[in-house]
């Protein structure tokens, strides 16, 4: 059984209340930081831990904190990105629902480290029930003296607010989130300037994911060096994985980074194998925006080594034979899955969610959806297969924010590994459009 850091007490009755959370060691990191540590010492512990952003990018959190500009007399902000909208990812809402005080504790400790006196949790608009849970927990923290003026007599003060979005996937991008938080349309900003210099209200700002911030109390309590001992290599600590699709035991799992992918899929401790005794066909390992991999490449690298649940191992081979850990949205697909239909479905999502600011994304996502619709519904040609690859290449790297890449990478990877399936849709249109009909040939490797 792997070590549990974030979810150790998640099933304790009443853990979502201040009283029970406090009895189980809650808010110790706030006491330790405010009474015995300087803000820079807290940041240094996060750097030592090797904690990487758990929202998808995997950028070292302590390094990101270190970039924050600190001009004298200018307000700074910590903003929590709780706009969890990546298809296949649902871990953050679990943390906020079951352990709201863990996130609040992380926000207080992190805000102290960054010198922020006002901080925000920006939450996905559809999660209003979670917003109410957070607001109740925040009120409890205020009442207990952990928020507000002169926290624990330390001289440090912090106000914490929850702000709902309007259900736009694009607002998961940090600068679009900041635009929305300021009351504007959620369009990504050109960078530079980066949020660390000019973020919320043009002031220095750090934006971190829910899971990232929730790890801060553990790091402060245990020490960065101790946290770094968990995991493997530069993939330190634990990671929450949202496992879904054709699995016997879908759900949210906290794993130690470095766990073999095969063990995660097939062991009884985790996903328990593929449902109904079917064969695994493919996996999207980090949410819908990362490249899909066929069975043989998700279980083993191209060099024949065991693929591990870590940033480095999953990306081994680049996008030719690898993928990304991303946000941890692990989608397993069995032999009955139509890759063409799945890719079309992802493209529908990205076309719908494009903000339209950049022409390659605005027009390109529309073309991807239309051409994939043709292929899926028996009206495509061999030229269409090359066309979607070409369109994906023209989107990638030509947009302000990563939504362009998020739309392009899944399409390019699907054709790269399953081209014969796309060709089958062209050569066998009548059979391909029969409900439940699926190409049964082997995946094609690059």
Protein backbone atom coordinates (compact mmCIF):
# COMPACT_ATOMS: atom_id res chain seq x y z
CA UNK A 1 0.00 0.00 0.00
CA UNK A 2 1.50 3.32 -1.07
CA UNK A 3 1.87 6.16 1.40
CA UNK A 4 -1.07 8.57 1.61
CA UNK A 5 -0.24 12.21 2.27
CA UNK A 6 -3.23 14.19 1.02
CA UNK A 7 -5.96 11.62 1.59
CA UNK A 8 -4.81 9.99 4.84
CA UNK A 9 -7.85 11.28 6.76
CA UNK A 10 -10.28 11.74 3.89
CA UNK A 11 -12.75 9.13 5.18
CA UNK A 12 -12.79 10.36 8.79
CA UNK A 13 -16.32 11.35 9.70
CA UNK A 14 -16.67 15.13 9.92
CA UNK A 15 -13.19 15.83 8.51
CA UNK A 16 -14.73 18.63 6.42
CA UNK A 17 -15.38 20.59 9.66
CA UNK A 18 -12.80 22.74 11.42
CA UNK A 19 -13.14 20.92 14.74
CA UNK A 20 -12.46 17.42 13.38
CA UNK A 21 -9.79 18.60 10.95
CA UNK A 22 -8.02 20.40 13.78
CA UNK A 23 -8.08 17.27 15.98
CA UNK A 24 -6.29 15.38 13.22
CA UNK A 25 -3.41 17.84 13.06
CA UNK A 26 -4.99 20.48 10.89
CA UNK A 27 -3.47 23.97 10.65
CA UNK A 28 -0.16 22.86 12.21
CA UNK A 29 1.67 24.22 9.18
CA UNK A 30 0.14 27.66 9.76
CA UNK A 31 1.30 27.65 13.37
CA UNK A 32 4.77 26.43 12.41
CA UNK A 33 5.21 28.90 9.56
CA UNK A 34 3.88 31.99 11.32
CA UNK A 35 5.61 31.32 14.65
CA UNK A 36 8.94 29.77 13.68
CA UNK A 37 9.67 30.46 9.99
CA UNK A 38 10.23 33.43 7.73
CA UNK A 39 8.34 33.61 4.42
CA UNK A 40 11.54 32.84 2.52
CA UNK A 41 12.12 29.75 4.67
CA UNK A 42 8.67 28.41 3.75
CA UNK A 43 9.44 28.97 0.07
CA UNK A 44 12.78 27.22 0.49
CA UNK A 45 11.08 24.12 1.92
CA UNK A 46 8.75 23.99 -1.09
CA UNK A 47 11.80 24.25 -3.35
CA UNK A 48 13.57 21.44 -1.48
CA UNK A 49 10.48 19.22 -1.79
CA UNK A 50 10.66 19.17 -5.58
CA UNK A 51 6.87 19.64 -5.68
CA UNK A 52 5.72 20.14 -9.25
CA UNK A 53 2.49 21.77 -10.34
CA UNK A 54 -0.28 19.19 -10.17
CA UNK A 55 -2.62 20.96 -12.57
CA UNK A 56 -0.94 19.65 -15.71
CA UNK A 57 2.18 21.65 -16.54
CA UNK A 58 4.39 20.00 -13.90
CA UNK A 59 6.48 23.16 -13.35
CA UNK A 60 8.41 23.21 -10.03
CA UNK A 61 6.19 25.06 -7.54
CA UNK A 62 9.00 26.45 -5.41
CA UNK A 63 10.74 27.86 -8.46
CA UNK A 64 7.47 29.51 -9.52
CA UNK A 65 7.16 31.08 -6.06
CA UNK A 66 10.75 32.29 -6.32
CA UNK A 67 9.95 34.21 -9.52
CA UNK A 68 7.39 36.41 -7.72
CA UNK A 69 8.31 40.08 -7.94
CA UNK A 70 8.36 41.82 -4.56
CA UNK A 71 8.37 45.58 -5.11
CA UNK A 72 8.03 47.53 -1.87
CA UNK A 73 4.49 48.59 -0.98
CA UNK A 74 2.85 46.71 -3.88
CA UNK A 75 0.17 44.07 -3.07
CA UNK A 76 0.79 40.45 -4.06
CA UNK A 77 -1.73 37.67 -4.57
CA UNK A 78 -1.97 33.90 -4.37
CA UNK A 79 -4.72 32.53 -6.59
CA UNK A 80 -5.86 28.92 -6.44
CA UNK A 81 -6.90 27.49 -9.79
CA UNK A 82 -9.90 25.32 -8.92
CA UNK A 83 -11.36 25.54 -12.43
CA UNK A 84 -11.04 21.80 -12.97
CA UNK A 85 -12.44 21.37 -16.48
CA UNK A 86 -10.07 18.93 -18.19
CA UNK A 87 -12.09 15.97 -19.49
CA UNK A 88 -11.12 12.90 -17.50
CA UNK A 89 -9.96 14.87 -14.44
CA UNK A 90 -12.03 15.08 -11.26
CA UNK A 91 -9.59 14.91 -8.34
CA UNK A 92 -9.64 18.52 -7.16
CA UNK A 93 -13.37 18.61 -6.48
CA UNK A 94 -12.88 15.57 -4.23
CA UNK A 95 -10.24 17.42 -2.22
CA UNK A 96 -12.42 20.51 -1.91
CA UNK A 97 -15.52 18.52 -1.01
CA UNK A 98 -13.98 16.17 1.54
CA UNK A 99 -10.97 18.19 2.79
CA UNK A 100 -11.78 21.89 2.32
CA UNK A 101 -9.65 22.88 5.32
CA UNK A 102 -6.56 21.24 3.79
CA UNK A 103 -6.84 23.62 0.83
CA UNK A 104 -7.52 26.59 3.11
CA UNK A 105 -4.52 25.69 5.27
CA UNK A 106 -2.37 25.53 2.15
CA UNK A 107 -3.68 28.90 1.01
CA UNK A 108 -2.79 30.51 4.36
CA UNK A 109 0.70 29.01 4.54
CA UNK A 110 1.37 29.74 0.87
CA UNK A 111 0.06 33.29 1.11
CA UNK A 112 2.33 33.92 4.10
CA UNK A 113 5.33 32.65 2.12
CA UNK A 114 4.49 34.95 -0.79
CA UNK A 115 3.59 38.00 1.28
CA UNK A 116 0.00 38.02 0.01
CA UNK A 117 -2.59 39.72 2.23
CA UNK A 118 -5.56 38.87 -0.01
CA UNK A 119 -5.93 35.56 -1.82
CA UNK A 120 -8.54 33.90 -4.03
CA UNK A 121 -9.88 30.47 -4.89
CA UNK A 122 -11.26 30.58 -8.43
CA UNK A 123 -13.67 27.68 -8.79
CA UNK A 124 -15.38 26.15 -11.80
CA UNK A 125 -18.85 27.64 -12.23
CA UNK A 126 -20.64 24.29 -12.30
CA UNK A 127 -19.34 23.42 -8.83
CA UNK A 128 -21.53 25.74 -6.81
CA UNK A 129 -22.15 23.04 -4.21
CA UNK A 130 -18.38 22.88 -3.63
CA UNK A 131 -18.24 26.67 -3.41
CA UNK A 132 -20.71 26.54 -0.53
CA UNK A 133 -18.60 23.91 1.23
CA UNK A 134 -15.51 26.11 0.86
CA UNK A 135 -17.32 29.23 2.05
CA UNK A 136 -18.52 27.41 5.16
CA UNK A 137 -15.00 26.16 5.89
CA UNK A 138 -13.54 29.63 5.34
CA UNK A 139 -16.05 31.08 7.80
CA UNK A 140 -14.94 28.47 10.36
CA UNK A 141 -11.30 29.41 9.78
CA UNK A 142 -12.11 33.09 10.32
CA UNK A 143 -14.00 32.26 13.52
CA UNK A 144 -11.04 30.24 14.82
CA UNK A 145 -8.58 33.07 14.16
CA UNK A 146 -6.74 31.43 11.25
CA UNK A 147 -7.98 34.04 8.77
CA UNK A 148 -8.47 37.76 9.15
CA UNK A 149 -6.42 40.27 11.10
CA UNK A 150 -3.30 39.36 13.08
CA UNK A 151 -3.50 35.57 12.65
CA UNK A 152 -2.38 33.78 15.84
CA UNK A 153 -0.94 37.06 17.09
CA UNK A 154 1.78 36.91 14.45
CA UNK A 155 1.10 40.29 12.90
CA UNK A 156 0.25 38.59 9.59
CA UNK A 157 -3.23 39.16 8.18
CA UNK A 158 -5.01 37.42 5.30
CA UNK A 159 -8.41 37.63 3.66
CA UNK A 160 -9.50 34.66 1.53
CA UNK A 161 -12.30 34.74 -1.05
CA UNK A 162 -13.95 32.15 -3.31
CA UNK A 163 -14.93 33.32 -6.79
CA UNK A 164 -16.99 31.19 -9.22
CA UNK A 165 -16.36 31.27 -12.96
CA UNK A 166 -19.00 30.70 -15.59
CA UNK A 167 -18.02 27.23 -16.77
CA UNK A 168 -15.42 28.11 -19.40
CA UNK A 169 -12.61 25.59 -19.92
CA UNK A 170 -10.33 28.36 -21.16
CA UNK A 171 -10.37 29.88 -17.65
CA UNK A 172 -8.24 26.97 -16.48
CA UNK A 173 -5.39 28.79 -18.26
CA UNK A 174 -3.89 31.03 -15.60
CA UNK A 175 -4.03 34.37 -17.42
CA UNK A 176 -7.57 33.78 -18.69
CA UNK A 177 -8.47 32.93 -15.09
CA UNK A 178 -7.03 36.25 -13.94
CA UNK A 179 -8.98 38.12 -16.62
CA UNK A 180 -12.18 36.44 -15.45
CA UNK A 181 -11.36 37.15 -11.81
CA UNK A 182 -11.05 40.82 -12.74
CA UNK A 183 -14.55 40.70 -14.24
CA UNK A 184 -13.51 40.55 -17.88
CA UNK A 185 -14.03 38.01 -20.64
CA UNK A 186 -11.77 35.02 -19.95
CA UNK A 187 -9.28 35.44 -22.79
CA UNK A 188 -5.64 34.44 -22.25
CA UNK A 189 -3.07 37.23 -22.11
CA UNK A 190 0.11 37.55 -24.10
CA UNK A 191 3.19 36.69 -22.05
CA UNK A 192 5.43 38.39 -21.07
CA UNK A 193 4.65 40.03 -18.74
CA UNK A 194 4.10 36.90 -16.68
CA UNK A 195 1.71 36.81 -13.72
CA UNK A 196 4.66 36.74 -11.31
CA UNK A 197 5.35 40.32 -12.42
CA UNK A 198 1.94 41.57 -13.57
CA UNK A 199 -0.89 39.23 -12.66
CA UNK A 200 -4.14 40.00 -10.88
CA UNK A 201 -4.88 43.73 -11.11
CA UNK A 202 -1.41 44.05 -12.71
CA UNK A 203 0.20 43.06 -9.40
CA UNK A 204 2.64 40.18 -8.73
CA UNK A 205 0.62 36.95 -8.58
CA UNK A 206 1.19 33.22 -8.21
CA UNK A 207 -1.45 30.86 -9.61
CA UNK A 208 -1.35 27.26 -8.35
CA UNK A 209 -3.63 24.24 -8.72
CA UNK A 210 -5.73 22.89 -5.83
CA UNK A 211 -3.65 19.74 -5.37
CA UNK A 212 -0.41 21.73 -5.47
CA UNK A 213 -1.54 24.07 -2.71
CA UNK A 214 -2.96 21.19 -0.66
CA UNK A 215 0.52 19.63 -0.58
CA UNK A 216 2.09 22.73 1.02
CA UNK A 217 0.98 21.99 4.63
CA UNK A 218 2.47 18.49 4.40
CA UNK A 219 5.77 19.85 3.08
CA UNK A 220 5.99 22.51 5.80
CA UNK A 221 5.11 20.03 8.55
CA UNK A 222 7.41 17.21 7.42
CA UNK A 223 10.12 19.25 5.73
CA UNK A 224 10.97 19.54 2.07
CA UNK A 225 13.77 16.99 2.23
CA UNK A 226 11.46 14.34 3.71
CA UNK A 227 8.82 14.99 1.04
CA UNK A 228 11.46 14.67 -1.67
CA UNK A 229 12.29 11.14 -0.46
CA UNK A 230 8.87 9.99 -1.67
CA UNK A 231 8.49 9.30 -5.38
CA UNK A 232 11.21 8.79 -7.94
CA UNK A 233 13.83 11.15 -9.34
CA UNK A 234 12.43 14.58 -10.08
CA UNK A 235 8.89 13.23 -9.67
CA UNK A 236 8.67 13.65 -5.92
CA UNK A 237 5.79 13.06 -3.53
CA UNK A 238 2.38 11.61 -4.25
CA UNK A 239 -0.10 12.36 -7.02
CA UNK A 240 -3.87 12.12 -7.18
CA UNK A 241 -5.02 10.19 -10.25
CA UNK A 242 -8.56 10.42 -11.63
CA UNK A 243 -9.01 6.94 -13.09
CA UNK A 244 -11.98 6.37 -15.39
CA UNK A 245 -13.05 4.55 -18.52
CA UNK A 246 -13.15 0.76 -18.92
CA UNK A 247 -11.76 -0.13 -15.49
CA UNK A 248 -13.12 -2.50 -12.87
CA UNK A 249 -12.47 0.06 -10.14
CA UNK A 250 -12.58 3.61 -11.47
CA UNK A 251 -12.07 6.36 -8.92
CA UNK A 252 -9.54 8.72 -7.38
CA UNK A 253 -6.27 7.18 -6.22
CA UNK A 254 -3.35 8.75 -4.40
CA UNK A 255 -0.20 7.06 -5.65
CA UNK A 256 3.48 7.46 -4.94
CA UNK A 257 5.03 8.76 -8.14
CA UNK A 258 7.05 6.00 -9.78
CA UNK A 259 4.36 3.33 -9.51
CA UNK A 260 4.43 1.06 -12.61
CA UNK A 261 1.54 1.82 -14.96
CA UNK A 262 0.81 -1.90 -15.28
CA UNK A 263 0.45 -2.22 -11.51
CA UNK A 264 -1.83 0.80 -11.40
CA UNK A 265 -4.14 -0.64 -14.05
CA UNK A 266 -4.20 -4.30 -13.06
CA UNK A 267 -3.55 -4.60 -9.32
CA UNK A 268 -6.45 -5.03 -6.91
CA UNK A 269 -5.06 -2.21 -4.78
CA UNK A 270 -5.78 0.23 -7.60
CA UNK A 271 -7.93 -0.13 -10.73
CA UNK A 272 -8.39 -3.92 -10.66
CA UNK A 273 -7.91 -4.49 -14.39
CA UNK A 274 -10.09 -3.94 -17.44
CA UNK A 275 -13.81 -4.50 -16.99
CA UNK A 276 -15.61 -7.59 -18.28
CA UNK A 277 -12.28 -9.33 -18.86
CA UNK A 278 -11.65 -7.38 -22.04
CA UNK A 279 -8.30 -6.33 -23.47
CA UNK A 280 -6.79 -2.91 -22.90
CA UNK A 281 -6.54 -1.01 -26.18
CA UNK A 282 -5.29 2.47 -25.31
CA UNK A 283 -4.84 4.98 -22.49
CA UNK A 284 -5.00 8.74 -22.19
CA UNK A 285 -2.76 9.16 -19.14
CA UNK A 286 -3.08 12.81 -18.17
CA UNK A 287 -6.44 14.20 -19.28
CA UNK A 288 -7.86 14.66 -22.76
CA UNK A 289 -5.17 17.12 -23.86
CA UNK A 290 -2.25 14.64 -23.76
CA UNK A 291 -1.31 12.17 -26.51
CA UNK A 292 -3.08 8.82 -26.47
CA UNK A 293 -0.90 5.69 -26.30
CA UNK A 294 -1.72 2.12 -27.37
CA UNK A 295 -1.44 -0.69 -24.83
CA UNK A 296 2.09 -1.71 -25.77
CA UNK A 297 3.45 1.83 -25.29
CA UNK A 298 1.58 2.70 -22.11
CA UNK A 299 2.82 -0.43 -20.33
CA UNK A 300 6.37 -0.33 -21.73
CA UNK A 301 8.56 2.37 -23.19
CA UNK A 302 9.83 1.99 -26.75
CA UNK A 303 13.08 0.71 -25.20
CA UNK A 304 11.16 -2.07 -23.44
CA UNK A 305 11.40 -0.65 -19.90
CA UNK A 306 8.40 -0.63 -17.56
CA UNK A 307 6.45 2.59 -17.96
CA UNK A 308 6.07 4.37 -14.61
CA UNK A 309 3.54 6.86 -13.32
CA UNK A 310 6.00 9.75 -13.27
CA UNK A 311 6.60 12.90 -15.28
CA UNK A 312 9.82 11.55 -16.79
CA UNK A 313 8.78 7.98 -17.57
CA UNK A 314 5.48 8.88 -19.22
CA UNK A 315 7.23 11.44 -21.41
CA UNK A 316 10.01 9.02 -22.36
CA UNK A 317 10.22 8.90 -26.15
CA UNK A 318 8.73 12.36 -26.60
CA UNK A 319 5.43 12.54 -28.45
CA UNK A 320 6.53 9.84 -30.89
CA UNK A 321 6.28 7.02 -28.35
CA UNK A 322 5.47 8.87 -25.09
CA UNK A 323 2.86 11.09 -23.53
CA UNK A 324 2.44 13.27 -20.39
CA UNK A 325 1.31 12.81 -16.79
CA UNK A 326 -0.58 16.08 -17.13
CA UNK A 327 -3.35 16.57 -14.61
CA UNK A 328 -3.59 12.86 -13.87
CA UNK A 329 -6.82 12.26 -15.77
CA UNK A 330 -6.24 8.58 -16.56
CA UNK A 331 -8.73 7.30 -19.17
CA UNK A 332 -8.51 3.59 -20.02
CA UNK A 333 -10.09 2.29 -23.24
CA UNK A 334 -10.81 -1.36 -23.95
CA UNK A 335 -10.95 -3.20 -27.28
CA UNK A 336 -14.52 -2.01 -27.96
CA UNK A 337 -13.42 1.64 -28.17
CA UNK A 338 -13.53 3.41 -31.52
CA UNK A 339 -10.46 5.66 -31.58
CA UNK A 340 -11.87 7.77 -34.42
CA UNK A 341 -15.08 8.46 -32.52
CA UNK A 342 -13.15 9.21 -29.34
CA UNK A 343 -10.85 11.65 -31.15
CA UNK A 344 -13.82 13.36 -32.80
CA UNK A 345 -15.47 13.70 -29.39
CA UNK A 346 -12.37 15.34 -27.91
CA UNK A 347 -12.20 17.69 -30.90
CA UNK A 348 -15.84 18.70 -30.43
CA UNK A 349 -14.95 19.73 -26.90
CA UNK A 350 -11.92 21.83 -27.87
CA UNK A 351 -13.76 23.53 -30.71
CA UNK A 352 -16.58 24.44 -28.34
CA UNK A 353 -14.20 25.70 -25.64
CA UNK A 354 -11.83 27.74 -27.82
CA UNK A 355 -12.10 31.40 -26.82
CA UNK A 356 -11.64 32.39 -30.48
CA UNK A 357 -8.90 34.91 -29.81
CA UNK A 358 -6.28 33.17 -31.99
CA UNK A 359 -7.13 32.33 -35.61
CA UNK A 360 -5.22 29.00 -35.73
CA UNK A 361 -7.20 27.71 -32.76
CA UNK A 362 -10.54 29.32 -33.62
CA UNK A 363 -10.51 28.02 -37.21
CA UNK A 364 -8.33 24.94 -36.74
CA UNK A 365 -10.40 23.33 -33.98
CA UNK A 366 -13.47 23.78 -36.18
CA UNK A 367 -11.77 22.04 -39.08
CA UNK A 368 -10.61 19.19 -36.87
CA UNK A 369 -14.14 18.61 -35.64
CA UNK A 370 -15.65 18.77 -39.16
CA UNK A 371 -13.13 16.45 -40.80
CA UNK A 372 -13.22 13.96 -37.95
CA UNK A 373 -17.01 14.00 -38.18
CA UNK A 374 -16.67 13.07 -41.85
CA UNK A 375 -14.34 10.21 -41.07
CA UNK A 376 -16.46 8.87 -38.22
CA UNK A 377 -19.69 9.03 -40.22
CA UNK A 378 -18.44 7.32 -43.38
CA UNK A 379 -17.91 10.36 -45.61
CA UNK A 380 -14.14 10.72 -45.29
CA UNK A 381 -11.27 10.19 -47.68
CA UNK A 382 -7.64 9.17 -47.30
CA UNK A 383 -6.74 12.82 -47.89
CA UNK A 384 -8.77 13.74 -44.79
CA UNK A 385 -6.43 11.72 -42.57
CA UNK A 386 -3.43 13.71 -43.75
CA UNK A 387 -5.51 16.89 -43.59
CA UNK A 388 -6.24 16.61 -39.86
CA UNK A 389 -2.56 15.95 -39.16
CA UNK A 390 -1.67 19.04 -41.21
CA UNK A 391 -4.27 21.19 -39.41
CA UNK A 392 -3.03 19.97 -36.03
CA UNK A 393 0.54 20.97 -36.95
CA UNK A 394 -0.63 24.43 -38.00
CA UNK A 395 -2.40 24.97 -34.68
CA UNK A 396 0.46 23.72 -32.49
CA UNK A 397 2.80 26.47 -31.33
CA UNK A 398 0.80 29.25 -32.98
CA UNK A 399 -1.57 30.28 -30.21
CA UNK A 400 -1.33 32.53 -27.15
CA UNK A 401 -2.25 29.76 -24.72
CA UNK A 402 -1.88 25.94 -24.65
CA UNK A 403 -5.47 25.20 -25.69
CA UNK A 404 -4.22 25.01 -29.26
CA UNK A 405 -1.75 22.28 -28.33
CA UNK A 406 -4.43 20.58 -26.22
CA UNK A 407 -6.60 20.30 -29.33
CA UNK A 408 -3.77 19.31 -31.68
CA UNK A 409 -1.81 16.72 -29.69
CA UNK A 410 -4.61 14.15 -29.22
CA UNK A 411 -5.44 14.20 -32.94
CA UNK A 412 -1.84 13.84 -34.09
CA UNK A 413 -1.20 11.01 -31.62
CA UNK A 414 -4.39 9.16 -32.55
CA UNK A 415 -3.41 9.13 -36.23
CA UNK A 416 0.21 8.29 -35.40
CA UNK A 417 -0.69 5.18 -33.40
CA UNK A 418 -4.00 4.13 -34.95
CA UNK A 419 -3.76 5.20 -38.59
CA UNK A 420 -5.08 1.83 -39.82
CA UNK A 421 -8.25 2.45 -37.85
CA UNK A 422 -8.76 5.81 -39.56
CA UNK A 423 -8.09 4.20 -42.93
CA UNK A 424 -10.62 1.46 -42.14
CA UNK A 425 -13.27 4.14 -41.63
CA UNK A 426 -12.52 5.35 -45.15
CA UNK A 427 -12.38 1.96 -46.88
CA UNK A 428 -15.30 0.41 -44.97
CA UNK A 429 -17.75 3.27 -44.47
CA UNK A 430 -20.87 1.09 -44.20
CA UNK A 431 -19.34 -1.22 -41.62
CA UNK A 432 -17.73 1.67 -39.70
CA UNK A 433 -21.06 3.44 -39.24
CA UNK A 434 -22.91 0.42 -37.85
CA UNK A 435 -23.60 1.09 -34.15
CA UNK A 436 -21.06 -0.79 -32.04
CA UNK A 437 -18.79 -1.66 -34.96
CA UNK A 438 -15.10 -1.28 -34.04
CA UNK A 439 -11.91 -1.81 -35.99
CA UNK A 440 -10.16 -4.85 -34.48
CA UNK A 441 -6.74 -4.54 -36.10
CA UNK A 442 -3.55 -3.85 -34.20
CA UNK A 443 -2.37 -0.34 -33.36
CA UNK A 444 0.16 1.09 -35.75
CA UNK A 445 3.34 2.32 -34.11
CA UNK A 446 5.38 5.20 -35.42
